[in-house]
N, C-alpha and C. Protein backbone atom coordinates (compact mmCIF):
# COMPACT_ATOMS: atom_id res chain seq x y z
N MET A 1 0.76 -1.10 -0.28
CA MET A 1 -0.24 0.14 0.05
C MET A 1 0.73 1.34 0.18
N SER A 2 0.64 2.21 -0.69
CA SER A 2 1.37 3.35 -0.74
C SER A 2 1.02 4.30 -0.04
N ARG A 3 1.86 5.27 0.27
CA ARG A 3 1.53 6.41 1.55
C ARG A 3 0.30 6.82 1.38
N HIS A 4 -0.05 7.21 -0.17
CA HIS A 4 -1.32 7.92 -0.32
C HIS A 4 -2.25 7.21 -0.09
N GLU A 5 -2.40 5.92 -0.52
CA GLU A 5 -3.48 5.00 -0.26
C GLU A 5 -3.58 5.19 1.45
N ALA A 6 -2.39 4.58 2.16
CA ALA A 6 -2.65 4.63 3.71
C ALA A 6 -3.34 5.98 4.22
N LEU A 7 -3.27 6.96 3.57
CA LEU A 7 -3.55 8.33 4.31
C LEU A 7 -4.91 8.17 4.28
N LEU A 8 -5.44 7.41 2.96
CA LEU A 8 -7.02 7.80 2.67
C LEU A 8 -7.41 6.66 3.54
N GLU A 9 -7.16 5.87 4.19
CA GLU A 9 -7.56 4.70 5.18
C GLU A 9 -7.84 5.35 6.43
N LEU A 10 -7.10 6.45 6.52
CA LEU A 10 -7.27 7.34 7.99
C LEU A 10 -8.66 7.56 8.18
N THR A 11 -9.12 7.34 9.40
CA THR A 11 -10.37 8.14 9.88
C THR A 11 -9.79 9.43 9.86
N LEU A 12 -10.95 10.59 9.95
CA LEU A 12 -11.03 11.91 10.19
C LEU A 12 -10.01 12.17 11.51
N CYS A 13 -10.29 11.44 12.82
CA CYS A 13 -9.86 11.54 13.79
C CYS A 13 -8.06 10.94 13.59
N GLU A 14 -8.04 10.15 12.83
CA GLU A 14 -6.67 9.51 12.97
C GLU A 14 -5.75 10.52 12.18
N ALA A 15 -6.42 11.01 11.20
CA ALA A 15 -5.61 11.99 10.27
C ALA A 15 -5.28 13.18 10.90
N ALA A 16 -6.19 13.85 11.75
CA ALA A 16 -5.85 14.97 12.47
C ALA A 16 -5.13 14.64 13.60
N ASP A 17 -5.04 13.53 14.15
CA ASP A 17 -3.70 13.04 15.15
C ASP A 17 -2.67 13.36 14.37
N GLN A 18 -2.40 12.40 13.08
CA GLN A 18 -1.34 12.42 12.22
C GLN A 18 -0.81 13.88 12.03
N VAL A 19 -1.56 14.66 11.81
CA VAL A 19 -1.28 16.22 11.22
C VAL A 19 -0.78 16.95 12.60
N ARG A 20 -1.08 16.74 13.72
CA ARG A 20 -0.87 17.34 14.95
C ARG A 20 0.51 16.81 15.50
N THR A 21 0.90 15.32 15.11
CA THR A 21 1.92 14.79 15.76
C THR A 21 3.17 14.95 14.85
N GLY A 22 2.85 15.57 13.56
CA GLY A 22 4.07 15.66 12.63
C GLY A 22 4.05 14.36 11.79
N GLN A 23 2.91 13.32 11.79
CA GLN A 23 3.39 12.01 10.87
C GLN A 23 2.87 12.34 9.88
N ALA A 24 2.14 13.23 9.44
CA ALA A 24 1.68 13.45 8.13
C ALA A 24 1.26 15.23 8.04
N SER A 25 1.22 15.70 6.95
CA SER A 25 0.95 17.18 6.53
C SER A 25 -0.42 17.24 6.20
N ALA A 26 -1.09 18.42 6.33
CA ALA A 26 -2.24 18.82 5.66
C ALA A 26 -2.15 18.56 4.21
N THR A 27 -1.33 19.13 3.81
CA THR A 27 -0.57 19.04 2.32
C THR A 27 -1.01 17.57 1.75
N GLU A 28 -0.26 16.79 2.41
CA GLU A 28 -0.08 15.35 2.07
C GLU A 28 -1.53 14.55 2.13
N LEU A 29 -2.30 14.90 2.97
CA LEU A 29 -3.79 14.50 2.87
C LEU A 29 -4.47 14.97 1.90
N VAL A 30 -4.22 16.33 1.43
CA VAL A 30 -5.24 17.13 0.38
C VAL A 30 -4.35 16.24 -0.80
N GLN A 31 -3.53 16.26 -0.94
CA GLN A 31 -2.75 15.49 -2.51
C GLN A 31 -2.98 14.05 -2.46
N ALA A 32 -3.53 13.32 -1.46
CA ALA A 32 -4.06 11.95 -1.52
C ALA A 32 -5.31 12.04 -1.80
N ALA A 33 -6.15 12.85 -1.39
CA ALA A 33 -7.66 13.16 -1.69
C ALA A 33 -7.79 13.68 -3.02
N LEU A 34 -6.80 14.35 -3.66
CA LEU A 34 -6.91 14.98 -4.87
C LEU A 34 -6.80 13.81 -6.05
N ARG A 35 -5.46 13.33 -5.52
CA ARG A 35 -5.39 12.31 -6.39
C ARG A 35 -6.46 11.00 -6.67
N ARG A 36 -7.01 10.66 -5.55
CA ARG A 36 -8.16 9.96 -5.51
C ARG A 36 -9.48 10.33 -6.45
N SER A 37 -9.61 11.77 -6.06
CA SER A 37 -10.72 12.40 -6.98
C SER A 37 -10.63 12.20 -8.43
N HIS A 38 -9.37 12.61 -8.58
CA HIS A 38 -8.97 12.56 -10.09
C HIS A 38 -9.37 11.04 -10.96
N ALA A 39 -9.00 10.33 -9.98
CA ALA A 39 -9.18 8.95 -10.54
C ALA A 39 -10.40 8.24 -10.56
N VAL A 40 -11.01 8.68 -9.48
CA VAL A 40 -12.62 8.11 -9.76
C VAL A 40 -13.58 9.15 -10.44
N GLN A 41 -13.25 10.40 -10.72
CA GLN A 41 -14.06 11.46 -11.62
C GLN A 41 -14.76 10.86 -12.69
N PRO A 42 -13.74 10.31 -13.50
CA PRO A 42 -13.94 9.71 -14.85
C PRO A 42 -15.24 8.43 -15.06
N ARG A 43 -15.39 7.88 -13.74
CA ARG A 43 -16.06 6.73 -13.78
C ARG A 43 -17.22 7.03 -13.00
N THR A 44 -17.11 7.73 -11.95
CA THR A 44 -18.33 8.10 -11.19
C THR A 44 -19.16 9.50 -11.53
N ASN A 45 -18.31 10.54 -12.03
CA ASN A 45 -18.87 11.65 -12.19
C ASN A 45 -19.42 12.28 -11.02
N CYS A 46 -18.52 12.03 -10.14
CA CYS A 46 -19.51 12.53 -8.60
C CYS A 46 -19.33 14.03 -8.33
N PHE A 47 -18.14 14.62 -8.96
CA PHE A 47 -17.81 15.84 -8.62
C PHE A 47 -18.12 16.91 -9.51
N LEU A 48 -18.90 18.09 -9.43
CA LEU A 48 -19.10 19.33 -10.18
C LEU A 48 -17.92 19.65 -10.46
N ALA A 49 -17.06 19.87 -9.52
CA ALA A 49 -15.90 20.71 -9.81
C ALA A 49 -14.76 20.27 -8.54
N ILE A 50 -13.39 20.29 -9.00
CA ILE A 50 -12.48 19.80 -8.26
C ILE A 50 -11.88 21.08 -7.90
N GLU A 51 -11.47 21.72 -6.85
CA GLU A 51 -10.75 23.15 -6.83
C GLU A 51 -9.49 22.66 -6.09
N GLU A 52 -8.67 22.10 -6.81
CA GLU A 52 -7.25 21.66 -6.68
C GLU A 52 -6.35 22.98 -5.92
N GLU A 53 -6.44 23.90 -6.53
CA GLU A 53 -5.25 24.82 -5.95
C GLU A 53 -5.99 25.77 -4.66
N GLU A 54 -7.51 25.84 -4.51
CA GLU A 54 -7.90 26.09 -3.49
C GLU A 54 -7.44 25.44 -2.40
N ALA A 55 -7.93 23.93 -2.60
CA ALA A 55 -7.61 22.94 -1.66
C ALA A 55 -6.09 23.02 -1.03
N LEU A 56 -5.16 22.98 -1.86
CA LEU A 56 -3.84 22.91 -1.70
C LEU A 56 -3.52 24.06 -0.89
N ALA A 57 -3.90 25.39 -1.35
CA ALA A 57 -3.75 26.65 -0.71
C ALA A 57 -3.90 26.93 1.01
N ALA A 58 -5.20 25.82 1.13
CA ALA A 58 -5.95 25.77 2.61
C ALA A 58 -5.41 24.93 3.36
N ALA A 59 -4.49 23.73 2.85
CA ALA A 59 -3.95 22.89 3.36
C ALA A 59 -2.32 23.54 3.79
N ALA A 60 -1.98 24.26 2.80
CA ALA A 60 -0.43 24.82 3.01
C ALA A 60 -0.62 26.08 4.21
N ARG A 61 -1.98 26.82 4.46
CA ARG A 61 -2.18 27.56 5.42
C ARG A 61 -2.34 26.75 6.45
N ALA A 62 -2.65 25.35 6.38
CA ALA A 62 -3.11 24.78 8.01
C ALA A 62 -1.61 24.08 8.26
N ASP A 63 -0.54 23.83 7.22
CA ASP A 63 0.30 23.37 7.85
C ASP A 63 1.40 24.65 8.21
N ALA A 64 1.39 25.75 7.69
CA ALA A 64 2.15 26.81 8.40
C ALA A 64 1.52 27.02 9.89
N ALA A 65 0.34 27.17 9.69
CA ALA A 65 -0.52 27.50 11.21
C ALA A 65 0.08 26.52 12.23
N ILE A 66 0.12 25.21 11.76
CA ILE A 66 0.32 24.26 12.83
C ILE A 66 1.92 24.46 13.45
N ARG A 67 2.81 24.88 11.92
CA ARG A 67 4.24 25.00 12.21
C ARG A 67 4.48 26.08 13.54
N ARG A 68 3.70 27.26 13.01
CA ARG A 68 3.67 28.42 14.27
C ARG A 68 3.20 28.17 15.82
N GLY A 69 2.56 27.06 15.80
CA GLY A 69 1.89 26.48 17.34
C GLY A 69 0.89 27.32 17.58
């Protein structure tokens, strides 16, 4: 199982714990979710839009806030 796949198996609480403890970053989690979203969209057409830039920017802000404490 790849790192991205493993991140997608986490519950929200587990993901938050990993971000809080530095085991994963918000950016890594968003990248994993975006990768999965793009992979399933052609088959499922389940998203009206995938706002990749906005999601990555929000993740970067979250990571910066965590680093600042």
